[in-house]
């Protein structure tokens, strides 16, 4: 897999170093106009399920379990196509995963970036 996947908040200014910019949230971020977002693709289907997001509630104490459950969701055959598309995009060069989450280190973007950068084989797609 790639080693050049980054993640950042969609509210931060875009950088020429971002490469392909992919929004990985299920819901479009508040206060961001689509025409101003500089998003190359919105992969809402890669986001954690509504049930998992509700359970997690961005509680850092639940992050380890959130990560485990989210990676398990990514193994679901119903997500195979979107997971493969994300992997293919990552192989093309630098990619930045975007999220509106305030706590970047405890976000789905962090989980995805770690997995795509080969730091996390738990998703079972190696």
N, C-alpha and C. Protein backbone atom coordinates (compact mmCIF):
# COMPACT_ATOMS: atom_id res chain seq x y z
N UNK A 1 0.83 -1.18 0.00
CA UNK A 1 0.00 0.00 0.00
C UNK A 1 0.87 1.24 0.00
N UNK A 2 0.22 2.37 -0.03
CA UNK A 2 0.91 3.65 -0.07
C UNK A 2 1.60 3.94 1.26
N UNK A 3 2.51 4.85 1.22
CA UNK A 3 3.14 5.37 2.44
C UNK A 3 2.99 6.88 2.47
N UNK A 4 2.12 7.40 1.63
CA UNK A 4 2.02 8.85 1.49
C UNK A 4 0.59 9.34 1.67
N UNK A 5 -0.10 8.79 2.64
CA UNK A 5 -1.47 9.21 2.95
C UNK A 5 -1.43 10.04 4.22
N UNK A 6 -1.98 11.21 4.12
CA UNK A 6 -2.05 12.13 5.26
C UNK A 6 -3.51 12.36 5.62
N UNK A 7 -3.73 13.05 6.72
CA UNK A 7 -5.09 13.42 7.09
C UNK A 7 -5.05 14.78 7.75
N UNK A 8 -6.14 15.52 7.54
CA UNK A 8 -6.24 16.86 8.11
C UNK A 8 -7.70 17.29 8.14
N UNK A 9 -7.93 18.40 8.82
CA UNK A 9 -9.29 18.93 8.89
C UNK A 9 -9.64 19.64 7.60
N UNK A 10 -10.87 19.48 7.18
CA UNK A 10 -11.32 20.13 5.96
C UNK A 10 -11.35 21.64 6.12
N UNK A 11 -11.40 22.10 7.36
CA UNK A 11 -11.43 23.55 7.62
C UNK A 11 -10.06 24.20 7.44
N UNK A 12 -9.00 23.41 7.41
CA UNK A 12 -7.66 23.95 7.18
C UNK A 12 -7.51 24.31 5.71
N UNK A 13 -6.70 25.31 5.43
CA UNK A 13 -6.48 25.72 4.05
C UNK A 13 -5.84 24.58 3.25
N UNK A 14 -6.29 24.43 2.03
CA UNK A 14 -5.71 23.41 1.14
C UNK A 14 -4.27 23.79 0.83
N UNK A 15 -3.46 22.77 0.60
CA UNK A 15 -2.05 22.96 0.29
C UNK A 15 -1.72 22.25 -1.02
N UNK A 16 -0.81 22.78 -1.79
CA UNK A 16 -0.39 22.07 -3.00
C UNK A 16 0.21 20.70 -2.69
N UNK A 17 0.70 20.51 -1.46
CA UNK A 17 1.27 19.23 -1.04
C UNK A 17 0.22 18.18 -0.69
N UNK A 18 -1.06 18.55 -0.70
CA UNK A 18 -2.11 17.62 -0.30
C UNK A 18 -2.28 16.46 -1.27
N UNK A 19 -2.00 16.69 -2.51
CA UNK A 19 -2.28 15.66 -3.51
C UNK A 19 -3.79 15.51 -3.68
N UNK A 20 -4.24 14.30 -3.86
CA UNK A 20 -5.66 14.02 -3.99
C UNK A 20 -6.33 14.25 -2.65
N UNK A 21 -7.39 15.04 -2.63
CA UNK A 21 -8.10 15.38 -1.38
C UNK A 21 -9.43 14.64 -1.35
N UNK A 22 -9.58 13.75 -0.34
CA UNK A 22 -10.79 12.93 -0.24
C UNK A 22 -11.45 13.16 1.11
N UNK A 23 -12.70 13.57 1.08
CA UNK A 23 -13.49 13.73 2.30
C UNK A 23 -14.01 12.36 2.71
N UNK A 24 -13.75 11.97 3.97
CA UNK A 24 -14.13 10.63 4.44
C UNK A 24 -15.21 10.68 5.52
N UNK A 25 -15.94 11.76 5.61
CA UNK A 25 -17.06 11.90 6.55
C UNK A 25 -18.35 11.50 5.86
N UNK A 26 -19.30 11.00 6.63
CA UNK A 26 -20.60 10.62 6.08
C UNK A 26 -21.48 11.84 5.82
N UNK A 27 -21.26 12.90 6.57
CA UNK A 27 -22.07 14.10 6.47
C UNK A 27 -21.18 15.26 6.02
N UNK A 28 -21.70 16.09 5.13
CA UNK A 28 -20.93 17.23 4.66
C UNK A 28 -20.68 18.18 5.83
N UNK A 29 -19.46 18.70 5.97
CA UNK A 29 -19.10 19.57 7.11
C UNK A 29 -19.87 20.89 7.11
N UNK A 30 -20.28 21.28 8.28
CA UNK A 30 -20.98 22.55 8.44
C UNK A 30 -20.08 23.72 8.06
N UNK A 31 -20.68 24.69 7.41
CA UNK A 31 -19.97 25.93 7.10
C UNK A 31 -19.00 25.84 5.94
N UNK A 32 -18.96 24.71 5.25
CA UNK A 32 -18.04 24.55 4.12
C UNK A 32 -18.87 24.47 2.84
N UNK A 33 -18.65 25.42 1.96
CA UNK A 33 -19.36 25.40 0.68
C UNK A 33 -18.67 24.40 -0.25
N UNK A 34 -19.44 23.58 -0.91
CA UNK A 34 -18.87 22.55 -1.78
C UNK A 34 -17.97 23.13 -2.85
N UNK A 35 -18.33 24.27 -3.40
CA UNK A 35 -17.51 24.86 -4.46
C UNK A 35 -16.20 25.44 -3.93
N UNK A 36 -16.10 25.66 -2.61
CA UNK A 36 -14.87 26.22 -2.02
C UNK A 36 -14.01 25.17 -1.32
N UNK A 37 -14.48 23.95 -1.21
CA UNK A 37 -13.84 22.94 -0.37
C UNK A 37 -12.56 22.34 -0.96
N UNK A 38 -12.40 22.42 -2.25
CA UNK A 38 -11.25 21.80 -2.92
C UNK A 38 -11.15 20.31 -2.58
N UNK A 39 -12.29 19.64 -2.67
CA UNK A 39 -12.37 18.20 -2.43
C UNK A 39 -12.43 17.52 -3.79
N UNK A 40 -11.52 16.57 -4.02
CA UNK A 40 -11.52 15.84 -5.28
C UNK A 40 -12.59 14.76 -5.30
N UNK A 41 -12.85 14.19 -4.13
CA UNK A 41 -13.90 13.16 -4.05
C UNK A 41 -14.44 13.10 -2.63
N UNK A 42 -15.74 12.86 -2.53
CA UNK A 42 -16.39 12.67 -1.25
C UNK A 42 -16.77 11.20 -1.16
N UNK A 43 -16.04 10.45 -0.35
CA UNK A 43 -16.29 9.01 -0.18
C UNK A 43 -17.07 8.79 1.11
N UNK A 44 -18.31 9.19 1.10
CA UNK A 44 -19.12 9.04 2.31
C UNK A 44 -19.34 7.57 2.67
N UNK A 45 -19.26 6.68 1.69
CA UNK A 45 -19.48 5.26 1.95
C UNK A 45 -18.34 4.62 2.74
N UNK A 46 -17.19 5.30 2.83
CA UNK A 46 -16.05 4.75 3.58
C UNK A 46 -16.14 5.13 5.06
N UNK A 47 -17.01 6.06 5.39
CA UNK A 47 -17.15 6.53 6.78
C UNK A 47 -17.70 5.42 7.68
N UNK A 48 -17.44 5.50 8.96
CA UNK A 48 -18.01 4.52 9.90
C UNK A 48 -19.54 4.58 9.84
N UNK A 49 -20.17 3.48 10.18
CA UNK A 49 -21.63 3.43 10.19
C UNK A 49 -22.19 4.44 11.20
N UNK A 50 -23.44 4.81 10.99
CA UNK A 50 -24.09 5.75 11.92
C UNK A 50 -24.11 5.16 13.34
N UNK A 51 -24.33 3.86 13.44
CA UNK A 51 -24.36 3.21 14.75
C UNK A 51 -23.01 3.31 15.45
N UNK A 52 -21.94 3.07 14.70
CA UNK A 52 -20.60 3.14 15.29
C UNK A 52 -20.25 4.58 15.67
N UNK A 53 -20.59 5.53 14.80
CA UNK A 53 -20.31 6.94 15.12
C UNK A 53 -21.05 7.37 16.38
N UNK A 54 -22.30 6.95 16.50
CA UNK A 54 -23.09 7.30 17.69
C UNK A 54 -22.49 6.67 18.93
N UNK A 55 -22.14 5.40 18.86
CA UNK A 55 -21.55 4.73 20.02
C UNK A 55 -20.24 5.41 20.43
N UNK A 56 -19.40 5.72 19.45
CA UNK A 56 -18.08 6.30 19.73
C UNK A 56 -18.19 7.69 20.34
N UNK A 57 -18.97 8.55 19.71
CA UNK A 57 -19.15 9.90 20.22
C UNK A 57 -17.85 10.69 20.35
N UNK A 58 -16.84 10.31 19.64
CA UNK A 58 -15.51 10.96 19.67
C UNK A 58 -14.91 10.99 21.07
N UNK A 59 -15.19 9.95 21.83
CA UNK A 59 -14.63 9.81 23.18
C UNK A 59 -13.27 9.13 23.05
N UNK A 60 -12.17 9.86 23.33
CA UNK A 60 -10.83 9.28 23.17
C UNK A 60 -10.63 7.98 23.96
N UNK A 61 -11.34 7.80 25.05
CA UNK A 61 -11.21 6.57 25.82
C UNK A 61 -11.78 5.37 25.08
N UNK A 62 -12.63 5.62 24.11
CA UNK A 62 -13.22 4.54 23.31
C UNK A 62 -12.50 4.34 21.98
N UNK A 63 -11.43 5.09 21.74
CA UNK A 63 -10.78 5.07 20.43
C UNK A 63 -10.26 3.69 20.03
N UNK A 64 -9.61 2.99 20.93
CA UNK A 64 -9.04 1.68 20.57
C UNK A 64 -10.16 0.73 20.10
N UNK A 65 -11.25 0.72 20.83
CA UNK A 65 -12.38 -0.14 20.43
C UNK A 65 -13.04 0.39 19.16
N UNK A 66 -13.14 1.71 19.03
CA UNK A 66 -13.69 2.30 17.80
C UNK A 66 -12.86 1.86 16.60
N UNK A 67 -11.55 1.95 16.73
CA UNK A 67 -10.64 1.56 15.65
C UNK A 67 -10.86 0.10 15.27
N UNK A 68 -10.94 -0.76 16.27
CA UNK A 68 -11.15 -2.18 16.01
C UNK A 68 -12.47 -2.41 15.27
N UNK A 69 -13.53 -1.78 15.76
CA UNK A 69 -14.85 -1.95 15.13
C UNK A 69 -14.90 -1.35 13.73
N UNK A 70 -14.26 -0.21 13.55
CA UNK A 70 -14.26 0.43 12.23
C UNK A 70 -13.50 -0.43 11.22
N UNK A 71 -12.36 -0.94 11.60
CA UNK A 71 -11.61 -1.81 10.70
C UNK A 71 -12.42 -3.07 10.38
N UNK A 72 -13.18 -3.58 11.33
CA UNK A 72 -14.06 -4.72 11.07
C UNK A 72 -15.14 -4.33 10.06
N UNK A 73 -15.69 -3.14 10.19
CA UNK A 73 -16.69 -2.68 9.22
C UNK A 73 -16.10 -2.62 7.81
N UNK A 74 -14.85 -2.23 7.70
CA UNK A 74 -14.22 -2.12 6.39
C UNK A 74 -14.05 -3.48 5.72
N UNK A 75 -14.07 -4.55 6.50
CA UNK A 75 -13.97 -5.90 5.94
C UNK A 75 -15.32 -6.41 5.40
N UNK A 76 -16.39 -5.70 5.69
CA UNK A 76 -17.72 -6.10 5.24
C UNK A 76 -17.74 -6.15 3.71
N UNK A 77 -18.21 -7.25 3.12
CA UNK A 77 -18.25 -7.36 1.66
C UNK A 77 -19.02 -6.22 0.99
N UNK A 78 -19.98 -5.63 1.68
CA UNK A 78 -20.76 -4.53 1.11
C UNK A 78 -19.88 -3.29 0.89
N UNK A 79 -18.77 -3.21 1.57
CA UNK A 79 -17.86 -2.06 1.43
C UNK A 79 -16.66 -2.37 0.53
N UNK A 80 -16.60 -3.56 0.00
CA UNK A 80 -15.44 -3.98 -0.79
C UNK A 80 -15.10 -2.98 -1.90
N UNK A 81 -16.10 -2.56 -2.65
CA UNK A 81 -15.85 -1.68 -3.80
C UNK A 81 -15.26 -0.34 -3.36
N UNK A 82 -15.84 0.29 -2.35
CA UNK A 82 -15.34 1.60 -1.92
C UNK A 82 -13.95 1.47 -1.29
N UNK A 83 -13.70 0.38 -0.56
CA UNK A 83 -12.38 0.15 0.02
C UNK A 83 -11.34 -0.02 -1.09
N UNK A 84 -11.69 -0.78 -2.11
CA UNK A 84 -10.76 -0.98 -3.22
C UNK A 84 -10.49 0.33 -3.95
N UNK A 85 -11.53 1.14 -4.14
CA UNK A 85 -11.36 2.42 -4.81
C UNK A 85 -10.43 3.34 -4.01
N UNK A 86 -10.58 3.34 -2.68
CA UNK A 86 -9.71 4.15 -1.83
C UNK A 86 -8.27 3.66 -1.92
N UNK A 87 -8.09 2.35 -1.88
CA UNK A 87 -6.74 1.78 -1.99
C UNK A 87 -6.09 2.15 -3.32
N UNK A 88 -6.85 2.05 -4.41
CA UNK A 88 -6.31 2.40 -5.73
C UNK A 88 -5.92 3.88 -5.78
N UNK A 89 -6.73 4.73 -5.19
CA UNK A 89 -6.41 6.16 -5.16
C UNK A 89 -5.12 6.39 -4.39
N UNK A 90 -4.93 5.67 -3.30
CA UNK A 90 -3.73 5.82 -2.48
C UNK A 90 -2.48 5.39 -3.25
N UNK A 91 -2.61 4.43 -4.12
CA UNK A 91 -1.46 3.95 -4.90
C UNK A 91 -1.02 4.95 -5.97
N UNK A 92 -1.88 5.90 -6.31
CA UNK A 92 -1.58 6.84 -7.38
C UNK A 92 -0.61 7.94 -6.95
N UNK A 93 -0.42 8.11 -5.65
CA UNK A 93 0.47 9.17 -5.17
C UNK A 93 -0.07 9.75 -3.87
N UNK A 94 0.43 10.91 -3.54
CA UNK A 94 0.03 11.55 -2.29
C UNK A 94 -1.47 11.76 -2.22
N UNK A 95 -2.01 11.51 -1.03
CA UNK A 95 -3.44 11.65 -0.81
C UNK A 95 -3.64 12.22 0.60
N UNK A 96 -4.61 13.10 0.72
CA UNK A 96 -4.97 13.66 2.02
C UNK A 96 -6.42 13.34 2.30
N UNK A 97 -6.65 12.66 3.42
CA UNK A 97 -8.00 12.35 3.86
C UNK A 97 -8.50 13.51 4.70
N UNK A 98 -9.69 13.97 4.39
CA UNK A 98 -10.25 15.14 5.06
C UNK A 98 -11.41 14.75 5.96
N UNK A 99 -11.49 15.41 7.10
CA UNK A 99 -12.57 15.20 8.04
C UNK A 99 -12.87 16.50 8.76
N UNK A 100 -14.08 16.63 9.26
CA UNK A 100 -14.45 17.81 10.05
C UNK A 100 -14.17 17.59 11.53
N UNK A 101 -13.81 16.40 11.90
CA UNK A 101 -13.57 16.05 13.30
C UNK A 101 -12.51 16.96 13.92
N UNK A 102 -12.78 17.41 15.13
CA UNK A 102 -11.82 18.29 15.82
C UNK A 102 -10.59 17.53 16.28
N UNK A 103 -10.79 16.33 16.80
CA UNK A 103 -9.70 15.53 17.34
C UNK A 103 -9.18 14.59 16.25
N UNK A 104 -8.27 15.08 15.45
CA UNK A 104 -7.76 14.32 14.31
C UNK A 104 -7.14 12.99 14.70
N UNK A 105 -6.41 12.97 15.79
CA UNK A 105 -5.69 11.75 16.19
C UNK A 105 -6.63 10.62 16.59
N UNK A 106 -7.89 10.93 16.87
CA UNK A 106 -8.87 9.93 17.27
C UNK A 106 -10.03 9.89 16.28
N UNK A 107 -9.71 9.98 15.01
CA UNK A 107 -10.74 10.06 13.97
C UNK A 107 -10.66 8.88 13.01
N UNK A 108 -11.71 8.71 12.21
CA UNK A 108 -11.69 7.68 11.18
C UNK A 108 -10.62 7.99 10.14
N UNK A 109 -10.32 9.26 9.91
CA UNK A 109 -9.26 9.62 8.96
C UNK A 109 -7.91 9.09 9.45
N UNK A 110 -7.67 9.16 10.75
CA UNK A 110 -6.42 8.63 11.31
C UNK A 110 -6.35 7.12 11.15
N UNK A 111 -7.47 6.43 11.38
CA UNK A 111 -7.51 4.97 11.21
C UNK A 111 -7.22 4.62 9.76
N UNK A 112 -7.90 5.28 8.84
CA UNK A 112 -7.71 4.99 7.41
C UNK A 112 -6.29 5.29 6.95
N UNK A 113 -5.75 6.42 7.36
CA UNK A 113 -4.39 6.77 6.95
C UNK A 113 -3.38 5.76 7.47
N UNK A 114 -3.51 5.35 8.72
CA UNK A 114 -2.60 4.35 9.27
C UNK A 114 -2.67 3.05 8.51
N UNK A 115 -3.87 2.64 8.18
CA UNK A 115 -4.06 1.39 7.43
C UNK A 115 -3.48 1.51 6.02
N UNK A 116 -3.78 2.61 5.33
CA UNK A 116 -3.29 2.79 3.96
C UNK A 116 -1.78 2.96 3.90
N UNK A 117 -1.19 3.50 4.95
CA UNK A 117 0.26 3.66 5.01
C UNK A 117 0.97 2.40 5.46
N UNK A 118 0.22 1.33 5.67
CA UNK A 118 0.82 0.06 6.03
C UNK A 118 1.17 -0.05 7.49
N UNK A 119 0.69 0.87 8.31
CA UNK A 119 0.98 0.84 9.74
C UNK A 119 0.02 -0.06 10.49
N UNK A 120 -1.04 -0.49 9.81
CA UNK A 120 -2.10 -1.23 10.47
C UNK A 120 -2.63 -2.31 9.55
N UNK A 121 -2.30 -3.52 9.79
CA UNK A 121 -2.76 -4.61 8.93
C UNK A 121 -4.06 -5.22 9.42
N UNK A 122 -4.65 -4.65 10.46
CA UNK A 122 -5.84 -5.24 11.07
C UNK A 122 -7.05 -5.25 10.16
N UNK A 123 -7.05 -4.47 9.11
CA UNK A 123 -8.22 -4.44 8.23
C UNK A 123 -8.31 -5.69 7.36
N UNK A 124 -7.25 -6.46 7.29
CA UNK A 124 -7.31 -7.72 6.58
C UNK A 124 -7.25 -7.60 5.06
N UNK A 125 -6.81 -6.50 4.54
CA UNK A 125 -6.75 -6.32 3.09
C UNK A 125 -5.34 -6.33 2.55
N UNK A 126 -4.37 -6.75 3.30
CA UNK A 126 -2.99 -6.75 2.82
C UNK A 126 -2.78 -7.76 1.74
